[in-house]
Amino acid sequence: MTSPASSTITMFGADWCRDCVRTKKQLDELGIDYTYIDLVAEPAAADVAREISGRTNIPVVVYPDASHHVEPSNSDVEAKLRELSLI
């Protein structure tokens, strides 16, 4: 049995980050369910994002298959969502 977290996309981001705003908008427009972790509201979560990605860049998008993107383009996100049959 898989845990609920494994079937969810998690995005680490911040409202001041233009790439974060763009990726969040894309997920919203595609109707994708995801968990958004605001690094301004939850600064400690930045350590989690850095552990996942090995970098300090955001957004970090973690997919249900445990893969992730750091600062993905819209086409990167779309390709991954298609690969996972989420769109």
C-alpha atoms as a PDB file:
ATOM      1  CA  MET A   1       0.000   0.000   0.000  1.00  0.00           C
ATOM      2  CA  THR A   2       1.367   3.415  -0.916  1.00  0.00           C
ATOM      3  CA  SER A   3       1.175   6.379   1.405  1.00  0.00           C
ATOM      4  CA  PRO A   4      -0.913   9.374   0.280  1.00  0.00           C
ATOM      5  CA  ALA A   5       2.233  11.483  -0.014  1.00  0.00           C
ATOM      6  CA  SER A   6       3.600   9.177  -2.712  1.00  0.00           C
ATOM      7  CA  SER A   7       0.666   9.935  -5.009  1.00  0.00           C
ATOM      8  CA  THR A   8       0.984  13.685  -4.598  1.00  0.00           C
ATOM      9  CA  ILE A   9       3.174  16.287  -6.232  1.00  0.00           C
ATOM     10  CA  THR A  10       4.953  18.542  -3.781  1.00  0.00           C
ATOM     11  CA  MET A  11       6.271  21.938  -4.808  1.00  0.00           C
ATOM     12  CA  PHE A  12       8.680  23.933  -2.661  1.00  0.00           C
ATOM     13  CA  GLY A  13       8.600  27.608  -3.599  1.00  0.00           C
ATOM     14  CA  ALA A  14       8.174  31.231  -2.615  1.00  0.00           C
ATOM     15  CA  ASP A  15       5.923  34.027  -3.854  1.00  0.00           C
ATOM     16  CA  TRP A  16       8.933  36.260  -4.673  1.00  0.00           C
ATOM     17  CA  CYS A  17      10.304  33.625  -7.076  1.00  0.00           C
ATOM     18  CA  ARG A  18       9.118  34.180 -10.646  1.00  0.00           C
ATOM     19  CA  ASP A  19       9.807  30.571 -11.667  1.00  0.00           C
ATOM     20  CA  CYS A  20       7.790  29.377  -8.649  1.00  0.00           C
ATOM     21  CA  VAL A  21       4.845  31.600  -9.575  1.00  0.00           C
ATOM     22  CA  ARG A  22       5.003  30.326 -13.177  1.00  0.00           C
ATOM     23  CA  THR A  23       5.155  26.639 -12.207  1.00  0.00           C
ATOM     24  CA  LYS A  24       2.374  27.050  -9.624  1.00  0.00           C
ATOM     25  CA  LYS A  25       0.198  28.756 -12.258  1.00  0.00           C
ATOM     26  CA  GLN A  26       0.877  25.929 -14.711  1.00  0.00           C
ATOM     27  CA  LEU A  27      -0.117  23.235 -12.204  1.00  0.00           C
ATOM     28  CA  ASP A  28      -3.259  25.208 -11.296  1.00  0.00           C
ATOM     29  CA  GLU A  29      -4.233  25.663 -14.945  1.00  0.00           C
ATOM     30  CA  LEU A  30      -3.742  21.953 -15.636  1.00  0.00           C
ATOM     31  CA  GLY A  31      -5.912  21.080 -12.635  1.00  0.00           C
ATOM     32  CA  ILE A  32      -3.109  19.109 -10.979  1.00  0.00           C
ATOM     33  CA  ASP A  33      -3.459  18.364  -7.268  1.00  0.00           C
ATOM     34  CA  TYR A  34      -0.279  19.273  -5.442  1.00  0.00           C
ATOM     35  CA  THR A  35       1.004  20.322  -2.071  1.00  0.00           C
ATOM     36  CA  TYR A  36       2.608  23.763  -2.041  1.00  0.00           C
ATOM     37  CA  ILE A  37       5.210  24.430   0.621  1.00  0.00           C
ATOM     38  CA  ASP A  38       5.797  28.160   1.011  1.00  0.00           C
ATOM     39  CA  LEU A  39       9.423  28.608   2.024  1.00  0.00           C
ATOM     40  CA  VAL A  40       8.711  32.112   3.338  1.00  0.00           C
ATOM     41  CA  ALA A  41       6.060  30.785   5.731  1.00  0.00           C
ATOM     42  CA  GLU A  42       8.070  27.626   6.492  1.00  0.00           C
ATOM     43  CA  PRO A  43      11.776  28.552   6.288  1.00  0.00           C
ATOM     44  CA  ALA A  44      12.857  25.208   7.759  1.00  0.00           C
ATOM     45  CA  ALA A  45      11.387  23.491   4.693  1.00  0.00           C
ATOM     46  CA  ALA A  46      14.180  25.060   2.625  1.00  0.00           C
ATOM     47  CA  ASP A  47      16.504  22.493   4.220  1.00  0.00           C
ATOM     48  CA  VAL A  48      14.173  19.710   3.049  1.00  0.00           C
ATOM     49  CA  ALA A  49      14.101  21.122  -0.491  1.00  0.00           C
ATOM     50  CA  ARG A  50      17.895  21.408  -0.482  1.00  0.00           C
ATOM     51  CA  GLU A  51      18.235  17.791   0.737  1.00  0.00           C
ATOM     52  CA  ILE A  52      16.015  16.618  -2.127  1.00  0.00           C
ATOM     53  CA  SER A  53      17.672  18.616  -4.877  1.00  0.00           C
ATOM     54  CA  GLY A  54      21.203  19.118  -3.607  1.00  0.00           C
ATOM     55  CA  ARG A  55      20.813  22.772  -4.621  1.00  0.00           C
ATOM     56  CA  THR A  56      19.407  25.975  -3.174  1.00  0.00           C
ATOM     57  CA  ASN A  57      17.454  26.859  -6.340  1.00  0.00           C
ATOM     58  CA  ILE A  58      13.652  26.875  -6.314  1.00  0.00           C
ATOM     59  CA  PRO A  59      11.098  25.752  -7.209  1.00  0.00           C
ATOM     60  CA  VAL A  60      11.739  22.132  -6.384  1.00  0.00           C
ATOM     61  CA  VAL A  61       8.925  19.954  -7.732  1.00  0.00           C
ATOM     62  CA  VAL A  62       8.783  16.392  -6.356  1.00  0.00           C
ATOM     63  CA  TYR A  63       6.716  13.889  -8.333  1.00  0.00           C
ATOM     64  CA  PRO A  64       4.848  10.770  -7.159  1.00  0.00           C
ATOM     65  CA  ASP A  65       7.614   8.526  -8.571  1.00  0.00           C
ATOM     66  CA  ALA A  66      10.113  10.293  -6.224  1.00  0.00           C
ATOM     67  CA  SER A  67      11.845  12.062  -9.108  1.00  0.00           C
ATOM     68  CA  HIS A  68      12.165  15.842  -8.987  1.00  0.00           C
ATOM     69  CA  HIS A  69      12.827  18.932 -11.038  1.00  0.00           C
ATOM     70  CA  VAL A  70      14.676  22.063  -9.925  1.00  0.00           C
ATOM     71  CA  GLU A  71      13.682  25.284 -11.715  1.00  0.00           C
ATOM     72  CA  PRO A  72      11.816  23.326 -14.405  1.00  0.00           C
ATOM     73  CA  SER A  73      10.547  24.871 -17.598  1.00  0.00           C
ATOM     74  CA  ASN A  74       6.839  24.503 -18.361  1.00  0.00           C
ATOM     75  CA  SER A  75       7.712  21.916 -21.023  1.00  0.00           C
ATOM     76  CA  ASP A  76       9.760  19.907 -18.463  1.00  0.00           C
ATOM     77  CA  VAL A  77       6.796  19.823 -16.082  1.00  0.00           C
ATOM     78  CA  GLU A  78       4.329  18.980 -18.841  1.00  0.00           C
ATOM     79  CA  ALA A  79       6.515  16.137 -20.156  1.00  0.00           C
ATOM     80  CA  LYS A  80       6.844  14.649 -16.661  1.00  0.00           C
ATOM     81  CA  LEU A  81       3.096  14.924 -16.002  1.00  0.00           C
ATOM     82  CA  ARG A  82       2.435  13.132 -19.299  1.00  0.00           C
ATOM     83  CA  GLU A  83       4.988  10.435 -18.438  1.00  0.00           C
ATOM     84  CA  LEU A  84       3.124   9.852 -15.162  1.00  0.00           C
ATOM     85  CA  SER A  85      -0.255   9.905 -16.985  1.00  0.00           C
ATOM     86  CA  LEU A  86      -1.415  12.829 -14.848  1.00  0.00           C
ATOM     87  CA  ILE A  87      -2.467  14.856 -17.907  1.00  0.00           C
END
